[in-house]
N, C-alpha and C. Protein backbone atom coordinates (compact mmCIF):
# COMPACT_ATOMS: atom_id res chain seq x y z
N UNK A 1 44.12 33.87 -10.75
CA UNK A 1 44.76 32.66 -11.23
C UNK A 1 43.66 31.73 -11.76
N UNK A 2 43.84 31.28 -12.97
CA UNK A 2 42.86 30.36 -13.55
C UNK A 2 43.01 28.97 -12.92
N UNK A 3 42.01 28.14 -13.13
CA UNK A 3 42.07 26.78 -12.59
C UNK A 3 43.25 26.01 -13.20
N UNK A 4 43.50 26.25 -14.47
CA UNK A 4 44.63 25.59 -15.13
C UNK A 4 45.95 26.04 -14.50
N UNK A 5 46.09 27.34 -14.29
CA UNK A 5 47.31 27.88 -13.66
C UNK A 5 47.49 27.34 -12.24
N UNK A 6 46.37 27.26 -11.52
CA UNK A 6 46.43 26.73 -10.16
C UNK A 6 46.88 25.28 -10.17
N UNK A 7 46.35 24.49 -11.08
CA UNK A 7 46.75 23.08 -11.16
C UNK A 7 48.22 22.92 -11.51
N UNK A 8 48.72 23.78 -12.37
CA UNK A 8 50.14 23.74 -12.75
C UNK A 8 50.99 24.12 -11.53
N UNK A 9 50.59 25.20 -10.85
CA UNK A 9 51.35 25.65 -9.66
C UNK A 9 51.32 24.59 -8.56
N UNK A 10 50.18 23.93 -8.40
CA UNK A 10 50.05 22.88 -7.40
C UNK A 10 50.98 21.71 -7.73
N UNK A 11 51.00 21.31 -8.98
CA UNK A 11 51.86 20.20 -9.40
C UNK A 11 53.33 20.58 -9.21
N UNK A 12 53.70 21.80 -9.55
CA UNK A 12 55.07 22.26 -9.36
C UNK A 12 55.44 22.27 -7.88
N UNK A 13 54.52 22.73 -7.04
CA UNK A 13 54.78 22.76 -5.60
C UNK A 13 54.95 21.33 -5.05
N UNK A 14 54.10 20.42 -5.53
CA UNK A 14 54.20 19.03 -5.09
C UNK A 14 55.54 18.43 -5.53
N UNK A 15 55.93 18.68 -6.76
CA UNK A 15 57.22 18.17 -7.24
C UNK A 15 58.38 18.74 -6.45
N UNK A 16 58.29 20.02 -6.10
CA UNK A 16 59.34 20.65 -5.28
C UNK A 16 59.40 19.98 -3.91
N UNK A 17 58.24 19.77 -3.30
CA UNK A 17 58.19 19.14 -1.98
C UNK A 17 58.78 17.73 -2.03
N UNK A 18 58.50 17.01 -3.10
CA UNK A 18 59.01 15.64 -3.24
C UNK A 18 60.53 15.61 -3.41
N UNK A 19 61.06 16.68 -3.99
CA UNK A 19 62.50 16.73 -4.27
C UNK A 19 63.32 17.13 -3.04
N UNK A 20 62.67 17.63 -2.01
CA UNK A 20 63.37 18.11 -0.83
C UNK A 20 63.37 17.06 0.29
N UNK A 21 64.27 17.26 1.24
CA UNK A 21 64.38 16.34 2.37
C UNK A 21 63.22 16.58 3.35
N UNK A 22 62.34 15.62 3.45
CA UNK A 22 61.14 15.76 4.27
C UNK A 22 61.46 15.93 5.76
N UNK A 23 62.52 15.31 6.22
CA UNK A 23 62.84 15.36 7.65
C UNK A 23 63.23 16.77 8.12
N UNK A 24 63.53 17.66 7.19
CA UNK A 24 63.88 19.03 7.55
C UNK A 24 62.65 19.92 7.76
N UNK A 25 61.48 19.40 7.38
CA UNK A 25 60.24 20.16 7.52
C UNK A 25 59.65 19.85 8.90
N UNK A 26 59.30 20.88 9.65
CA UNK A 26 58.72 20.65 10.98
C UNK A 26 57.49 19.73 10.90
N UNK A 27 57.32 18.85 11.88
CA UNK A 27 56.21 17.89 11.84
C UNK A 27 54.83 18.53 11.69
N UNK A 28 54.60 19.68 12.31
CA UNK A 28 53.29 20.31 12.17
C UNK A 28 53.02 20.74 10.73
N UNK A 29 54.05 21.22 10.05
CA UNK A 29 53.89 21.59 8.65
C UNK A 29 53.71 20.36 7.77
N UNK A 30 54.40 19.28 8.11
CA UNK A 30 54.21 18.03 7.37
C UNK A 30 52.75 17.59 7.43
N UNK A 31 52.15 17.71 8.61
CA UNK A 31 50.74 17.33 8.74
C UNK A 31 49.83 18.25 7.93
N UNK A 32 50.11 19.54 7.96
CA UNK A 32 49.31 20.48 7.16
C UNK A 32 49.44 20.16 5.68
N UNK A 33 50.67 19.95 5.23
CA UNK A 33 50.87 19.62 3.82
C UNK A 33 50.15 18.34 3.44
N UNK A 34 50.24 17.34 4.30
CA UNK A 34 49.56 16.06 4.06
C UNK A 34 48.05 16.29 3.90
N UNK A 35 47.47 17.01 4.84
CA UNK A 35 46.03 17.22 4.82
C UNK A 35 45.60 18.06 3.62
N UNK A 36 46.33 19.14 3.33
CA UNK A 36 45.97 19.96 2.17
C UNK A 36 46.10 19.18 0.88
N UNK A 37 47.15 18.37 0.77
CA UNK A 37 47.34 17.56 -0.43
C UNK A 37 46.19 16.57 -0.60
N UNK A 38 45.88 15.85 0.46
CA UNK A 38 44.80 14.85 0.38
C UNK A 38 43.48 15.52 0.04
N UNK A 39 43.22 16.68 0.61
CA UNK A 39 41.97 17.40 0.31
C UNK A 39 41.99 17.91 -1.13
N UNK A 40 43.13 18.41 -1.58
CA UNK A 40 43.23 18.94 -2.94
C UNK A 40 42.99 17.88 -3.99
N UNK A 41 43.45 16.66 -3.73
CA UNK A 41 43.24 15.59 -4.71
C UNK A 41 41.99 14.79 -4.39
N UNK A 42 41.28 15.22 -3.35
CA UNK A 42 40.02 14.60 -2.95
C UNK A 42 40.18 13.12 -2.62
N UNK A 43 41.26 12.83 -1.93
CA UNK A 43 41.53 11.45 -1.53
C UNK A 43 41.29 11.32 -0.03
N UNK A 44 40.38 10.47 0.36
CA UNK A 44 40.11 10.32 1.79
C UNK A 44 41.24 9.60 2.51
N UNK A 45 41.25 9.75 3.80
CA UNK A 45 42.24 9.05 4.62
C UNK A 45 42.00 7.55 4.50
N UNK A 46 43.07 6.81 4.27
CA UNK A 46 42.94 5.37 4.15
C UNK A 46 44.07 4.74 4.94
N UNK A 47 43.70 4.03 5.96
CA UNK A 47 44.69 3.37 6.78
C UNK A 47 44.20 1.96 7.07
N UNK A 48 45.03 1.01 6.81
CA UNK A 48 44.64 -0.37 7.03
C UNK A 48 44.68 -0.75 8.50
N UNK A 49 45.32 0.09 9.30
CA UNK A 49 45.41 -0.19 10.74
C UNK A 49 44.17 0.32 11.46
N UNK A 50 43.81 -0.34 12.48
CA UNK A 50 42.70 0.09 13.32
C UNK A 50 43.20 1.15 14.29
N UNK A 51 42.34 2.12 14.59
CA UNK A 51 42.74 3.12 15.57
C UNK A 51 42.83 2.52 16.96
N UNK A 52 42.31 1.34 17.14
CA UNK A 52 42.42 0.68 18.43
C UNK A 52 43.86 0.32 18.75
N UNK A 53 44.72 0.33 17.75
CA UNK A 53 46.12 -0.01 17.98
C UNK A 53 46.89 1.16 18.60
N UNK A 54 46.18 2.27 18.85
CA UNK A 54 46.79 3.45 19.46
C UNK A 54 47.93 4.01 18.63
N UNK A 55 47.78 3.98 17.34
CA UNK A 55 48.79 4.52 16.45
C UNK A 55 48.68 6.04 16.44
N UNK A 56 49.56 6.68 17.17
CA UNK A 56 49.51 8.13 17.34
C UNK A 56 49.67 8.88 16.02
N UNK A 57 50.55 8.38 15.17
CA UNK A 57 50.76 9.05 13.88
C UNK A 57 49.48 9.06 13.05
N UNK A 58 48.79 7.94 13.01
CA UNK A 58 47.53 7.88 12.27
C UNK A 58 46.49 8.82 12.87
N UNK A 59 46.48 8.93 14.17
CA UNK A 59 45.53 9.83 14.83
C UNK A 59 45.81 11.28 14.45
N UNK A 60 47.08 11.66 14.41
CA UNK A 60 47.43 13.02 14.00
C UNK A 60 47.03 13.29 12.54
N UNK A 61 47.24 12.30 11.69
CA UNK A 61 46.84 12.45 10.28
C UNK A 61 45.34 12.63 10.16
N UNK A 62 44.60 11.79 10.86
CA UNK A 62 43.14 11.89 10.83
C UNK A 62 42.68 13.24 11.34
N UNK A 63 43.27 13.72 12.41
CA UNK A 63 42.92 15.02 12.95
C UNK A 63 43.20 16.13 11.93
N UNK A 64 44.32 16.06 11.27
CA UNK A 64 44.66 17.06 10.25
C UNK A 64 43.64 17.05 9.12
N UNK A 65 43.21 15.87 8.71
CA UNK A 65 42.21 15.76 7.64
C UNK A 65 40.86 16.31 8.08
N UNK A 66 40.49 16.06 9.30
CA UNK A 66 39.22 16.58 9.82
C UNK A 66 39.24 18.11 9.81
N UNK A 67 40.39 18.69 10.13
CA UNK A 67 40.50 20.15 10.18
C UNK A 67 40.35 20.80 8.82
N UNK A 68 40.65 20.09 7.74
CA UNK A 68 40.57 20.70 6.40
C UNK A 68 39.37 20.24 5.60
N UNK A 69 38.51 19.43 6.18
CA UNK A 69 37.40 18.87 5.42
C UNK A 69 36.43 19.91 4.88
N UNK A 70 36.38 21.09 5.49
CA UNK A 70 35.46 22.12 5.02
C UNK A 70 36.05 22.97 3.89
N UNK A 71 37.34 22.80 3.61
CA UNK A 71 37.97 23.55 2.52
C UNK A 71 37.57 22.97 1.17
N UNK A 72 37.51 23.85 0.19
CA UNK A 72 37.32 23.37 -1.18
C UNK A 72 38.65 22.83 -1.69
N UNK A 73 38.61 22.10 -2.76
CA UNK A 73 39.85 21.60 -3.36
C UNK A 73 40.74 22.77 -3.78
N UNK A 74 40.13 23.82 -4.30
CA UNK A 74 40.88 25.00 -4.72
C UNK A 74 41.57 25.67 -3.53
N UNK A 75 40.85 25.83 -2.43
CA UNK A 75 41.44 26.43 -1.23
C UNK A 75 42.60 25.58 -0.71
N UNK A 76 42.42 24.27 -0.72
CA UNK A 76 43.48 23.37 -0.25
C UNK A 76 44.72 23.48 -1.12
N UNK A 77 44.53 23.57 -2.42
CA UNK A 77 45.68 23.72 -3.34
C UNK A 77 46.41 25.02 -3.05
N UNK A 78 45.67 26.09 -2.87
CA UNK A 78 46.30 27.39 -2.60
C UNK A 78 47.09 27.37 -1.29
N UNK A 79 46.53 26.76 -0.27
CA UNK A 79 47.23 26.69 1.01
C UNK A 79 48.48 25.81 0.92
N UNK A 80 48.39 24.72 0.17
CA UNK A 80 49.54 23.84 -0.04
C UNK A 80 50.66 24.61 -0.74
N UNK A 81 50.32 25.30 -1.81
CA UNK A 81 51.29 26.09 -2.57
C UNK A 81 51.92 27.15 -1.67
N UNK A 82 51.10 27.82 -0.87
CA UNK A 82 51.59 28.88 0.02
C UNK A 82 52.65 28.35 1.00
N UNK A 83 52.39 27.20 1.58
CA UNK A 83 53.36 26.63 2.52
C UNK A 83 54.65 26.25 1.81
N UNK A 84 54.55 25.62 0.66
CA UNK A 84 55.74 25.20 -0.08
C UNK A 84 56.56 26.41 -0.49
N UNK A 85 55.90 27.46 -0.94
CA UNK A 85 56.63 28.66 -1.36
C UNK A 85 57.30 29.36 -0.18
N UNK A 86 56.74 29.24 1.02
CA UNK A 86 57.40 29.80 2.21
C UNK A 86 58.58 28.94 2.63
N UNK A 87 58.42 27.63 2.52
CA UNK A 87 59.52 26.73 2.88
C UNK A 87 60.68 26.82 1.90
N UNK A 88 60.35 26.92 0.63
CA UNK A 88 61.35 26.91 -0.45
C UNK A 88 61.09 28.09 -1.38
N UNK A 89 61.60 29.27 -1.04
CA UNK A 89 61.35 30.45 -1.89
C UNK A 89 61.81 30.20 -3.33
N UNK A 90 60.99 30.72 -4.23
CA UNK A 90 61.31 30.60 -5.66
C UNK A 90 62.50 31.48 -5.96
N UNK A 91 63.21 31.30 -7.05
CA UNK A 91 62.92 30.38 -8.15
C UNK A 91 63.36 28.96 -7.84
N UNK A 92 62.60 28.02 -8.37
CA UNK A 92 62.93 26.61 -8.22
C UNK A 92 63.67 26.19 -9.43
């Protein structure tokens, strides 16, 4: 798969994910998708809240991002696409 094809497939997978009901996706997969997406677009975690507030959701997000930090953007895109295609088998 060329980089152009990968970018197209990633965008299609993201659009599919956006079109579906997020609450039907298990929370662990939501975290994986979040982390892979953020890594794929090379966007760091940004939270205006302090971790001192004991915000458990933010802590889970940060942990998910730490787990994928060693992946390349290409690897993150492929993993994101793989999860979306398992959740929502093609054709879309």
